[in-house]
N, C-alpha and C. Protein backbone atom coordinates (compact mmCIF):
# COMPACT_ATOMS: atom_id res chain seq x y z
N UNK A 1 -1.13 -7.86 34.39
CA UNK A 1 -1.49 -7.45 33.05
C UNK A 1 -2.96 -7.79 32.81
N UNK A 2 -3.67 -6.92 32.11
CA UNK A 2 -5.08 -7.13 31.82
C UNK A 2 -5.22 -7.85 30.48
N UNK A 3 -6.21 -8.72 30.38
CA UNK A 3 -6.41 -9.49 29.16
C UNK A 3 -6.91 -8.64 28.00
N UNK A 4 -7.52 -7.50 28.28
CA UNK A 4 -8.05 -6.67 27.20
C UNK A 4 -7.01 -5.70 26.65
N UNK A 5 -5.79 -5.75 27.14
CA UNK A 5 -4.73 -4.89 26.64
C UNK A 5 -3.71 -5.73 25.88
N UNK A 6 -3.78 -5.71 24.53
CA UNK A 6 -2.84 -6.51 23.76
C UNK A 6 -1.41 -5.98 23.90
N UNK A 7 -0.46 -6.89 23.82
CA UNK A 7 0.94 -6.48 23.88
C UNK A 7 1.37 -5.78 22.60
N UNK A 8 0.75 -6.16 21.49
CA UNK A 8 1.03 -5.52 20.21
C UNK A 8 -0.28 -5.25 19.52
N UNK A 9 -0.24 -4.42 18.51
CA UNK A 9 -1.42 -4.19 17.69
C UNK A 9 -0.98 -4.08 16.25
N UNK A 10 -1.93 -4.12 15.36
CA UNK A 10 -1.62 -4.05 13.92
C UNK A 10 -0.95 -2.72 13.55
N UNK A 11 -1.13 -1.71 14.37
CA UNK A 11 -0.56 -0.41 14.04
C UNK A 11 0.91 -0.30 14.45
N UNK A 12 1.36 -1.20 15.32
CA UNK A 12 2.76 -1.17 15.73
C UNK A 12 3.62 -1.85 14.67
N UNK A 13 4.84 -1.35 14.50
CA UNK A 13 5.75 -1.94 13.53
C UNK A 13 6.25 -3.28 14.02
N UNK A 14 6.34 -4.23 13.11
CA UNK A 14 6.91 -5.52 13.44
C UNK A 14 8.42 -5.43 13.26
N UNK A 15 9.13 -5.98 14.20
CA UNK A 15 10.59 -5.94 14.15
C UNK A 15 11.09 -7.36 13.96
N UNK A 16 11.70 -7.66 12.80
CA UNK A 16 12.24 -9.00 12.61
C UNK A 16 13.27 -9.33 13.68
N UNK A 17 13.19 -10.54 14.20
CA UNK A 17 14.15 -10.99 15.20
C UNK A 17 13.84 -10.60 16.63
N UNK A 18 12.74 -9.86 16.83
CA UNK A 18 12.42 -9.44 18.19
C UNK A 18 12.00 -10.63 19.05
N UNK A 19 12.16 -10.51 20.33
CA UNK A 19 11.81 -11.56 21.28
C UNK A 19 10.30 -11.76 21.28
N UNK A 20 9.88 -12.98 21.04
CA UNK A 20 8.44 -13.30 20.98
C UNK A 20 7.94 -13.98 22.24
N UNK A 21 8.82 -14.20 23.20
CA UNK A 21 8.45 -14.98 24.38
C UNK A 21 7.40 -14.31 25.26
N UNK A 22 7.28 -13.00 25.20
CA UNK A 22 6.30 -12.30 26.02
C UNK A 22 4.92 -12.19 25.35
N UNK A 23 4.82 -12.64 24.10
CA UNK A 23 3.56 -12.55 23.37
C UNK A 23 2.72 -13.78 23.61
N UNK A 24 1.42 -13.59 23.69
CA UNK A 24 0.49 -14.70 23.84
C UNK A 24 0.11 -15.27 22.49
N UNK A 25 -0.66 -16.34 22.53
CA UNK A 25 -1.08 -17.01 21.30
C UNK A 25 -1.85 -16.06 20.39
N UNK A 26 -2.75 -15.29 20.96
CA UNK A 26 -3.55 -14.34 20.16
C UNK A 26 -2.65 -13.31 19.48
N UNK A 27 -1.69 -12.78 20.20
CA UNK A 27 -0.80 -11.78 19.62
C UNK A 27 0.10 -12.40 18.55
N UNK A 28 0.56 -13.62 18.79
CA UNK A 28 1.40 -14.30 17.79
C UNK A 28 0.60 -14.61 16.53
N UNK A 29 -0.66 -15.02 16.72
CA UNK A 29 -1.53 -15.29 15.57
C UNK A 29 -1.78 -14.03 14.77
N UNK A 30 -2.03 -12.93 15.44
CA UNK A 30 -2.23 -11.64 14.77
C UNK A 30 -0.96 -11.22 14.03
N UNK A 31 0.17 -11.38 14.68
CA UNK A 31 1.45 -11.04 14.06
C UNK A 31 1.66 -11.85 12.79
N UNK A 32 1.36 -13.15 12.85
CA UNK A 32 1.52 -14.01 11.70
C UNK A 32 0.61 -13.57 10.55
N UNK A 33 -0.61 -13.19 10.85
CA UNK A 33 -1.54 -12.72 9.82
C UNK A 33 -1.02 -11.43 9.17
N UNK A 34 -0.51 -10.52 9.97
CA UNK A 34 0.06 -9.28 9.43
C UNK A 34 1.23 -9.59 8.51
N UNK A 35 2.07 -10.52 8.92
CA UNK A 35 3.22 -10.90 8.09
C UNK A 35 2.77 -11.56 6.79
N UNK A 36 1.73 -12.39 6.85
CA UNK A 36 1.21 -13.02 5.62
C UNK A 36 0.67 -11.97 4.67
N UNK A 37 -0.05 -10.99 5.21
CA UNK A 37 -0.58 -9.92 4.36
C UNK A 37 0.56 -9.12 3.73
N UNK A 38 1.61 -8.88 4.48
CA UNK A 38 2.75 -8.13 3.96
C UNK A 38 3.48 -8.94 2.89
N UNK A 39 3.56 -10.25 3.07
CA UNK A 39 4.17 -11.09 2.04
C UNK A 39 3.37 -11.02 0.74
N UNK A 40 2.05 -11.07 0.85
CA UNK A 40 1.20 -10.97 -0.33
C UNK A 40 1.36 -9.63 -1.03
N UNK A 41 1.44 -8.58 -0.25
CA UNK A 41 1.62 -7.24 -0.80
C UNK A 41 2.98 -7.12 -1.50
N UNK A 42 4.00 -7.71 -0.91
CA UNK A 42 5.34 -7.69 -1.49
C UNK A 42 5.39 -8.51 -2.76
N UNK A 43 4.76 -9.68 -2.77
CA UNK A 43 4.72 -10.51 -3.97
C UNK A 43 3.99 -9.81 -5.10
N UNK A 44 2.92 -9.09 -4.79
CA UNK A 44 2.19 -8.34 -5.81
C UNK A 44 3.05 -7.22 -6.39
N UNK A 45 3.84 -6.56 -5.55
CA UNK A 45 4.72 -5.49 -6.03
C UNK A 45 5.80 -6.06 -6.94
N UNK A 46 6.34 -7.22 -6.59
CA UNK A 46 7.35 -7.87 -7.43
C UNK A 46 6.75 -8.22 -8.79
N UNK A 47 5.56 -8.78 -8.77
CA UNK A 47 4.88 -9.16 -10.03
C UNK A 47 4.66 -7.92 -10.91
N UNK A 48 4.23 -6.83 -10.29
CA UNK A 48 3.98 -5.60 -11.05
C UNK A 48 5.28 -5.06 -11.64
N UNK A 49 6.35 -5.08 -10.88
CA UNK A 49 7.64 -4.57 -11.38
C UNK A 49 8.19 -5.45 -12.49
N UNK A 50 8.03 -6.78 -12.38
CA UNK A 50 8.47 -7.68 -13.44
C UNK A 50 7.69 -7.44 -14.72
N UNK A 51 6.40 -7.19 -14.59
CA UNK A 51 5.58 -6.91 -15.77
C UNK A 51 6.04 -5.63 -16.44
N UNK A 52 6.35 -4.62 -15.65
CA UNK A 52 6.85 -3.36 -16.21
C UNK A 52 8.19 -3.55 -16.89
N UNK A 53 9.06 -4.35 -16.30
CA UNK A 53 10.37 -4.63 -16.89
C UNK A 53 10.21 -5.38 -18.19
N UNK A 54 9.32 -6.36 -18.23
CA UNK A 54 9.07 -7.12 -19.46
C UNK A 54 8.52 -6.22 -20.56
N UNK A 55 7.63 -5.32 -20.20
CA UNK A 55 7.07 -4.40 -21.19
C UNK A 55 8.15 -3.48 -21.73
N UNK A 56 9.03 -3.00 -20.87
CA UNK A 56 10.11 -2.12 -21.31
C UNK A 56 11.09 -2.88 -22.21
N UNK A 57 11.40 -4.11 -21.85
CA UNK A 57 12.31 -4.91 -22.67
C UNK A 57 11.71 -5.17 -24.04
N UNK A 58 10.41 -5.46 -24.09
CA UNK A 58 9.74 -5.70 -25.36
C UNK A 58 9.71 -4.44 -26.21
N UNK A 59 9.53 -3.30 -25.59
CA UNK A 59 9.47 -2.04 -26.31
C UNK A 59 10.82 -1.68 -26.92
N UNK A 60 11.89 -1.91 -26.18
CA UNK A 60 13.21 -1.51 -26.63
C UNK A 60 13.98 -2.60 -27.35
N UNK A 61 13.37 -3.76 -27.54
CA UNK A 61 14.02 -4.85 -28.24
C UNK A 61 14.22 -4.49 -29.70
N UNK A 62 15.43 -4.72 -30.20
CA UNK A 62 15.69 -4.40 -31.60
C UNK A 62 15.15 -5.51 -32.50
N UNK A 63 14.50 -5.14 -33.61
CA UNK A 63 13.94 -6.14 -34.52
C UNK A 63 15.05 -7.01 -35.10
N UNK A 64 14.85 -8.32 -35.08
CA UNK A 64 15.81 -9.26 -35.66
C UNK A 64 17.04 -9.49 -34.84
N UNK A 65 17.16 -8.87 -33.69
CA UNK A 65 18.35 -9.04 -32.85
C UNK A 65 17.99 -9.50 -31.46
N UNK A 66 18.96 -10.04 -30.83
CA UNK A 66 18.74 -10.51 -29.45
C UNK A 66 19.55 -9.67 -28.52
């Protein structure tokens, strides 16, 4: 195997639970960074959806009632 040919790249899909034993430190580090970025993106989407839900609840809340 050549050192300039990565086993994975950012464009390949990450598969949860896949065997990591054939990956080198560089590939594992890259994989971890991609996963961290995806976690941040997912957390931002959750925050945005919660804000939309809160706005909808406030809009449809009946005055004087719970």
